[in-house]
Amino acid sequence: MKIRLHPHAKDRAAERGATEAEVIATVREGEQFPAKYGRRGFRRNFPFDELWQGRLYKTKQVEAFAVEEDGWLVITVVVRYY
C-alpha cells in the first residue's frame, strides 16, 4: 500500500512530535475510523516513556487523517501524550 504525506502533514507531525515513520506505521497498522468530509482516520499508540514539553509521558498516540488517492495521502497528523 502506497502512503504519502502532504507537506502540511509533515509539518504538523514534526511540530507535534511524531516522526514520518510513526505516521506511516499508524496508517499501515493502526485502528481505522471514519472522519469528516469522507476522510479516513488512523490511530495507533506507541510506547514513549520520555519527556514532552517538560512532562513525562508513557504513551504517544498518533492520529493520521488521510484521503484515498493512489494509495493513502495523509493530510494532517494529531499527536496526544498520556
N, C-alpha and C. Protein backbone atom coordinates (compact mmCIF):
# COMPACT_ATOMS: atom_id res chain seq x y z
N MET A 1 0.85 -1.17 0.00
CA MET A 1 0.00 0.00 0.00
C MET A 1 0.90 1.24 0.00
N LYS A 2 0.62 2.14 -0.91
CA LYS A 2 1.40 3.36 -1.04
C LYS A 2 0.88 4.41 -0.05
N ILE A 3 1.79 5.00 0.72
CA ILE A 3 1.43 6.02 1.70
C ILE A 3 2.33 7.24 1.49
N ARG A 4 1.68 8.39 1.26
CA ARG A 4 2.43 9.63 1.07
C ARG A 4 1.97 10.65 2.11
N LEU A 5 2.84 11.56 2.48
CA LEU A 5 2.49 12.62 3.41
C LEU A 5 2.49 13.96 2.67
N HIS A 6 1.40 14.66 2.78
CA HIS A 6 1.29 16.02 2.25
C HIS A 6 2.27 16.89 3.03
N PRO A 7 2.83 17.95 2.44
CA PRO A 7 3.75 18.82 3.19
C PRO A 7 3.14 19.36 4.49
N HIS A 8 1.83 19.64 4.49
CA HIS A 8 1.16 20.09 5.72
C HIS A 8 1.25 19.01 6.80
N ALA A 9 1.04 17.76 6.43
CA ALA A 9 1.10 16.66 7.39
C ALA A 9 2.52 16.49 7.93
N LYS A 10 3.52 16.64 7.08
CA LYS A 10 4.91 16.55 7.53
C LYS A 10 5.21 17.65 8.56
N ASP A 11 4.76 18.86 8.28
CA ASP A 11 4.98 19.98 9.20
C ASP A 11 4.27 19.74 10.53
N ARG A 12 3.00 19.33 10.49
CA ARG A 12 2.24 19.10 11.72
C ARG A 12 2.85 17.97 12.54
N ALA A 13 3.26 16.89 11.88
CA ALA A 13 3.86 15.76 12.59
C ALA A 13 5.12 16.22 13.32
N ALA A 14 5.98 16.96 12.64
CA ALA A 14 7.22 17.42 13.25
C ALA A 14 6.96 18.35 14.43
N GLU A 15 6.04 19.29 14.28
CA GLU A 15 5.79 20.23 15.37
C GLU A 15 5.08 19.57 16.55
N ARG A 16 4.39 18.45 16.30
CA ARG A 16 3.65 17.77 17.36
C ARG A 16 4.39 16.56 17.93
N GLY A 17 5.58 16.29 17.41
CA GLY A 17 6.44 15.27 18.00
C GLY A 17 6.35 13.88 17.41
N ALA A 18 5.78 13.72 16.23
CA ALA A 18 5.72 12.41 15.58
C ALA A 18 6.71 12.35 14.43
N THR A 19 7.27 11.19 14.21
CA THR A 19 8.17 11.01 13.08
C THR A 19 7.37 10.55 11.86
N GLU A 20 7.97 10.69 10.70
CA GLU A 20 7.32 10.22 9.48
C GLU A 20 7.12 8.71 9.54
N ALA A 21 8.08 7.99 10.11
CA ALA A 21 7.96 6.53 10.25
C ALA A 21 6.78 6.16 11.14
N GLU A 22 6.55 6.91 12.21
CA GLU A 22 5.40 6.64 13.08
C GLU A 22 4.08 6.89 12.36
N VAL A 23 4.02 7.93 11.55
CA VAL A 23 2.81 8.23 10.80
C VAL A 23 2.52 7.10 9.80
N ILE A 24 3.53 6.64 9.10
CA ILE A 24 3.35 5.56 8.14
C ILE A 24 2.94 4.27 8.85
N ALA A 25 3.56 3.97 9.99
CA ALA A 25 3.17 2.78 10.77
C ALA A 25 1.73 2.89 11.26
N THR A 26 1.30 4.10 11.60
CA THR A 26 -0.07 4.32 12.04
C THR A 26 -1.06 3.98 10.93
N VAL A 27 -0.76 4.41 9.72
CA VAL A 27 -1.65 4.12 8.59
C VAL A 27 -1.62 2.63 8.26
N ARG A 28 -0.47 2.02 8.29
CA ARG A 28 -0.34 0.60 7.94
C ARG A 28 -0.95 -0.32 8.99
N GLU A 29 -0.73 -0.02 10.27
CA GLU A 29 -1.05 -0.98 11.33
C GLU A 29 -2.06 -0.48 12.35
N GLY A 30 -2.46 0.77 12.25
CA GLY A 30 -3.34 1.34 13.27
C GLY A 30 -4.81 1.03 13.07
N GLU A 31 -5.58 1.39 14.08
CA GLU A 31 -7.03 1.27 14.03
C GLU A 31 -7.58 2.29 13.05
N GLN A 32 -8.54 1.89 12.24
CA GLN A 32 -9.16 2.81 11.27
C GLN A 32 -10.51 3.28 11.79
N PHE A 33 -10.85 4.52 11.46
CA PHE A 33 -12.16 5.05 11.83
C PHE A 33 -12.59 6.10 10.80
N PRO A 34 -13.90 6.28 10.62
CA PRO A 34 -14.37 7.31 9.67
C PRO A 34 -14.11 8.70 10.22
N ALA A 35 -13.79 9.63 9.33
CA ALA A 35 -13.53 11.01 9.72
C ALA A 35 -14.41 11.94 8.86
N LYS A 36 -14.42 13.20 9.20
CA LYS A 36 -15.23 14.18 8.47
C LYS A 36 -14.81 14.28 7.01
N TYR A 37 -15.76 14.73 6.20
CA TYR A 37 -15.53 15.06 4.79
C TYR A 37 -15.06 13.85 3.96
N GLY A 38 -15.50 12.66 4.34
CA GLY A 38 -15.16 11.46 3.58
C GLY A 38 -13.73 10.99 3.77
N ARG A 39 -13.05 11.53 4.75
CA ARG A 39 -11.67 11.13 5.03
C ARG A 39 -11.66 9.90 5.92
N ARG A 40 -10.48 9.35 6.09
CA ARG A 40 -10.30 8.18 6.95
C ARG A 40 -9.29 8.53 8.01
N GLY A 41 -9.57 8.13 9.24
CA GLY A 41 -8.64 8.34 10.34
C GLY A 41 -7.94 7.04 10.69
N PHE A 42 -6.73 7.16 11.13
CA PHE A 42 -5.93 6.01 11.59
C PHE A 42 -5.34 6.38 12.94
N ARG A 43 -5.38 5.46 13.89
CA ARG A 43 -4.90 5.75 15.24
C ARG A 43 -4.03 4.60 15.74
N ARG A 44 -2.92 4.96 16.36
CA ARG A 44 -2.03 3.95 16.94
C ARG A 44 -1.30 4.53 18.13
N ASN A 45 -1.15 3.70 19.17
CA ASN A 45 -0.39 4.10 20.36
C ASN A 45 1.02 3.56 20.26
N PHE A 46 1.98 4.37 20.67
CA PHE A 46 3.39 3.98 20.71
C PHE A 46 3.91 4.13 22.13
N PRO A 47 4.72 3.18 22.61
CA PRO A 47 5.36 3.37 23.91
C PRO A 47 6.27 4.60 23.82
N PHE A 48 6.25 5.43 24.84
CA PHE A 48 7.02 6.68 24.77
C PHE A 48 7.99 6.80 25.93
N ASP A 49 7.48 6.88 27.15
CA ASP A 49 8.30 6.93 28.37
C ASP A 49 9.43 7.97 28.26
N GLU A 50 9.06 9.17 27.81
CA GLU A 50 10.02 10.27 27.64
C GLU A 50 9.37 11.58 28.05
N LEU A 51 10.18 12.62 28.02
CA LEU A 51 9.66 13.96 28.30
C LEU A 51 9.13 14.59 27.02
N TRP A 52 7.99 15.25 27.16
CA TRP A 52 7.46 16.08 26.08
C TRP A 52 7.02 17.38 26.73
N GLN A 53 7.62 18.48 26.30
CA GLN A 53 7.34 19.80 26.83
C GLN A 53 7.40 19.82 28.36
N GLY A 54 8.45 19.17 28.88
CA GLY A 54 8.73 19.22 30.31
C GLY A 54 7.98 18.23 31.19
N ARG A 55 7.16 17.37 30.60
CA ARG A 55 6.41 16.38 31.38
C ARG A 55 6.72 14.98 30.86
N LEU A 56 6.70 14.02 31.77
CA LEU A 56 6.97 12.63 31.42
C LEU A 56 5.67 11.94 31.01
N TYR A 57 5.69 11.29 29.86
CA TYR A 57 4.53 10.56 29.36
C TYR A 57 4.95 9.14 29.01
N LYS A 58 4.06 8.20 29.25
CA LYS A 58 4.33 6.78 28.95
C LYS A 58 3.93 6.41 27.53
N THR A 59 2.92 7.09 26.98
CA THR A 59 2.36 6.69 25.69
C THR A 59 2.21 7.90 24.77
N LYS A 60 2.52 7.69 23.50
CA LYS A 60 2.27 8.69 22.46
C LYS A 60 1.23 8.10 21.51
N GLN A 61 0.13 8.82 21.31
CA GLN A 61 -0.91 8.37 20.38
C GLN A 61 -0.85 9.24 19.13
N VAL A 62 -0.69 8.59 17.99
CA VAL A 62 -0.62 9.29 16.72
C VAL A 62 -1.92 9.03 15.95
N GLU A 63 -2.54 10.10 15.47
CA GLU A 63 -3.70 10.00 14.59
C GLU A 63 -3.33 10.65 13.27
N ALA A 64 -3.57 9.91 12.20
CA ALA A 64 -3.31 10.41 10.85
C ALA A 64 -4.64 10.45 10.11
N PHE A 65 -4.90 11.56 9.44
CA PHE A 65 -6.13 11.72 8.65
C PHE A 65 -5.73 11.75 7.19
N ALA A 66 -6.39 10.87 6.41
CA ALA A 66 -5.94 10.68 5.02
C ALA A 66 -7.12 10.57 4.07
N VAL A 67 -6.80 10.78 2.78
CA VAL A 67 -7.75 10.54 1.69
C VAL A 67 -7.15 9.46 0.80
N GLU A 68 -8.03 8.68 0.20
CA GLU A 68 -7.55 7.65 -0.71
C GLU A 68 -7.30 8.27 -2.07
N GLU A 69 -6.04 8.28 -2.46
CA GLU A 69 -5.62 8.92 -3.71
C GLU A 69 -4.35 8.21 -4.17
N ASP A 70 -4.53 7.19 -5.03
CA ASP A 70 -3.39 6.36 -5.45
C ASP A 70 -2.67 5.82 -4.22
N GLY A 71 -3.40 5.15 -3.36
CA GLY A 71 -2.93 4.74 -2.04
C GLY A 71 -3.50 5.73 -1.04
N TRP A 72 -2.79 6.01 0.03
CA TRP A 72 -3.25 6.97 1.03
C TRP A 72 -2.40 8.23 1.00
N LEU A 73 -3.06 9.38 1.01
CA LEU A 73 -2.39 10.67 1.13
C LEU A 73 -2.76 11.23 2.49
N VAL A 74 -1.79 11.26 3.41
CA VAL A 74 -2.03 11.77 4.75
C VAL A 74 -2.03 13.29 4.66
N ILE A 75 -3.12 13.90 5.17
CA ILE A 75 -3.25 15.35 5.04
C ILE A 75 -2.98 16.10 6.34
N THR A 76 -3.15 15.44 7.48
CA THR A 76 -2.77 16.07 8.74
C THR A 76 -2.53 15.01 9.80
N VAL A 77 -1.86 15.40 10.86
CA VAL A 77 -1.48 14.49 11.94
C VAL A 77 -1.76 15.18 13.27
N VAL A 78 -2.34 14.40 14.20
CA VAL A 78 -2.59 14.86 15.57
C VAL A 78 -1.85 13.91 16.50
N VAL A 79 -1.21 14.45 17.53
CA VAL A 79 -0.47 13.61 18.48
C VAL A 79 -0.96 13.95 19.89
N ARG A 80 -1.22 12.92 20.67
CA ARG A 80 -1.61 13.09 22.08
C ARG A 80 -0.63 12.29 22.94
N TYR A 81 -0.40 12.81 24.11
CA TYR A 81 0.52 12.16 25.04
C TYR A 81 -0.23 11.79 26.31
N TYR A 82 0.00 10.56 26.81
CA TYR A 82 -0.66 10.07 28.03
C TYR A 82 0.37 9.53 29.00
